[in-house]
Amino acid sequence: MTELVELSGFGDVDKNSMDTVRRMVDGYARKLQDHCDDFQGLKVTLKNVHNSKDHPGRFELHGKLIDSGRTSVSLAVDVNLFVALDAAMRKLESGVAK
C-alpha cells in the first residue's frame, strides 16, 4: 500500500506531525482503495502559502487519486495542517463514493 502513496512538499514538517500525516494518509488510502475499482495511486502535495516570519500562513493541500486510469483531484486550504489534510482526503473520498 505504501508504495502507492506519494507525499511531496512535507520536508519542513516536524517528525511528530509527519507521523500523524502518514497515519492519516494511510488510513484514507485504505478507505479509498476499498471504494475504488482499481486503485492505482494517491499523491498528496503540501504548499505553504502566505508565509512570513511574523505570520505562519496557511497550508494548501492537493490530493490526486488515480483509479482505473481516471484522475480525481482535491484542494483544501487551512491554517491547521491536519484540518486541511482531512478536508482534502474527504473530498477525494466523496468523489469516489459517488
Protein backbone atom coordinates (compact mmCIF):
# COMPACT_ATOMS: atom_id res chain seq x y z
CA MET A 1 0.00 0.00 0.00
CA THR A 2 2.74 2.46 0.97
CA GLU A 3 4.35 2.25 -2.47
CA LEU A 4 1.09 3.53 -3.99
CA VAL A 5 1.06 6.63 -1.77
CA GLU A 6 3.32 9.61 -2.51
CA LEU A 7 3.82 12.61 -0.25
CA SER A 8 5.60 15.71 -1.51
CA GLY A 9 6.33 19.13 -0.07
CA PHE A 10 6.42 17.87 3.52
CA GLY A 11 10.17 18.44 4.04
CA ASP A 12 9.68 21.25 6.57
CA VAL A 13 7.11 19.37 8.68
CA ASP A 14 8.41 18.23 12.08
CA LYS A 15 8.77 14.50 12.84
CA ASN A 16 5.77 14.19 15.18
CA SER A 17 3.46 15.97 12.76
CA MET A 18 4.83 13.88 9.89
CA ASP A 19 3.98 10.66 11.76
CA THR A 20 0.41 11.90 12.16
CA VAL A 21 0.25 12.89 8.49
CA ARG A 22 1.42 9.42 7.42
CA ARG A 23 -1.16 7.71 9.64
CA MET A 24 -3.96 9.93 8.32
CA VAL A 25 -2.97 9.42 4.68
CA ASP A 26 -2.55 5.65 5.11
CA GLY A 27 -6.00 5.42 6.73
CA TYR A 28 -7.62 7.35 3.90
CA ALA A 29 -5.66 5.34 1.31
CA ARG A 30 -7.15 2.12 2.74
CA LYS A 31 -10.66 3.61 2.61
CA LEU A 32 -10.14 4.87 -0.93
CA GLN A 33 -8.81 1.50 -2.04
CA ASP A 34 -11.99 -0.15 -0.72
CA HIS A 35 -14.16 2.29 -2.74
CA CYS A 36 -12.10 2.18 -5.95
CA ASP A 37 -12.44 -0.30 -8.78
CA ASP A 38 -8.69 -0.30 -9.47
CA PHE A 39 -6.73 1.87 -7.01
CA GLN A 40 -3.52 2.87 -8.78
CA GLY A 41 -2.13 5.60 -6.57
CA LEU A 42 -2.59 8.55 -4.26
CA LYS A 43 -0.44 11.68 -4.25
CA VAL A 44 -0.65 14.40 -1.61
CA THR A 45 1.22 17.66 -2.13
CA LEU A 46 1.72 20.34 0.54
CA LYS A 47 2.29 24.01 -0.24
CA ASN A 48 2.79 26.73 2.36
CA VAL A 49 1.03 29.89 1.22
CA HIS A 50 1.22 33.43 2.58
CA ASN A 51 4.15 32.50 4.81
CA SER A 52 6.17 35.16 6.63
CA LYS A 53 8.24 35.15 9.79
CA ASP A 54 5.52 37.09 11.66
CA HIS A 55 2.59 35.06 10.37
CA PRO A 56 2.69 31.27 9.92
CA GLY A 57 0.43 31.34 6.86
CA ARG A 58 -1.81 28.62 5.55
CA PHE A 59 -1.37 25.06 4.39
CA GLU A 60 -2.59 24.27 0.89
CA LEU A 61 -3.03 20.57 0.22
CA HIS A 62 -3.60 19.00 -3.17
CA GLY A 63 -4.81 15.42 -3.38
CA LYS A 64 -4.65 13.32 -6.53
CA LEU A 65 -6.23 9.88 -6.79
CA ILE A 66 -5.77 7.56 -9.75
CA ASP A 67 -8.47 4.90 -10.11
CA SER A 68 -8.78 2.75 -13.25
CA GLY A 69 -6.84 5.36 -15.21
CA ARG A 70 -9.19 8.17 -14.12
CA THR A 71 -7.79 11.01 -12.04
CA SER A 72 -9.67 12.76 -9.23
CA VAL A 73 -8.23 15.86 -7.59
CA SER A 74 -8.98 17.86 -4.47
CA LEU A 75 -7.78 21.06 -2.86
CA ALA A 76 -8.05 22.30 0.72
CA VAL A 77 -6.54 25.33 2.47
CA ASP A 78 -6.45 25.93 6.22
CA VAL A 79 -4.20 27.36 8.94
CA ASN A 80 -4.10 23.88 10.51
CA LEU A 81 -2.21 21.21 8.55
CA PHE A 82 -4.35 18.33 9.82
CA VAL A 83 -7.66 20.07 9.12
CA ALA A 84 -6.54 20.84 5.56
CA LEU A 85 -5.33 17.26 5.04
CA ASP A 86 -8.59 15.81 6.36
CA ALA A 87 -10.64 18.11 4.12
CA ALA A 88 -8.63 17.22 1.00
CA MET A 89 -8.92 13.49 1.69
CA ARG A 90 -12.66 13.71 2.43
CA LYS A 91 -13.20 15.46 -0.91
CA LEU A 92 -11.43 12.62 -2.71
CA GLU A 93 -13.40 10.05 -0.73
CA SER A 94 -16.75 11.68 -1.52
CA GLY A 95 -15.84 11.85 -5.21
CA VAL A 96 -15.08 8.12 -5.32
CA ALA A 97 -18.17 7.11 -3.34
CA LYS A 98 -20.49 8.62 -5.98
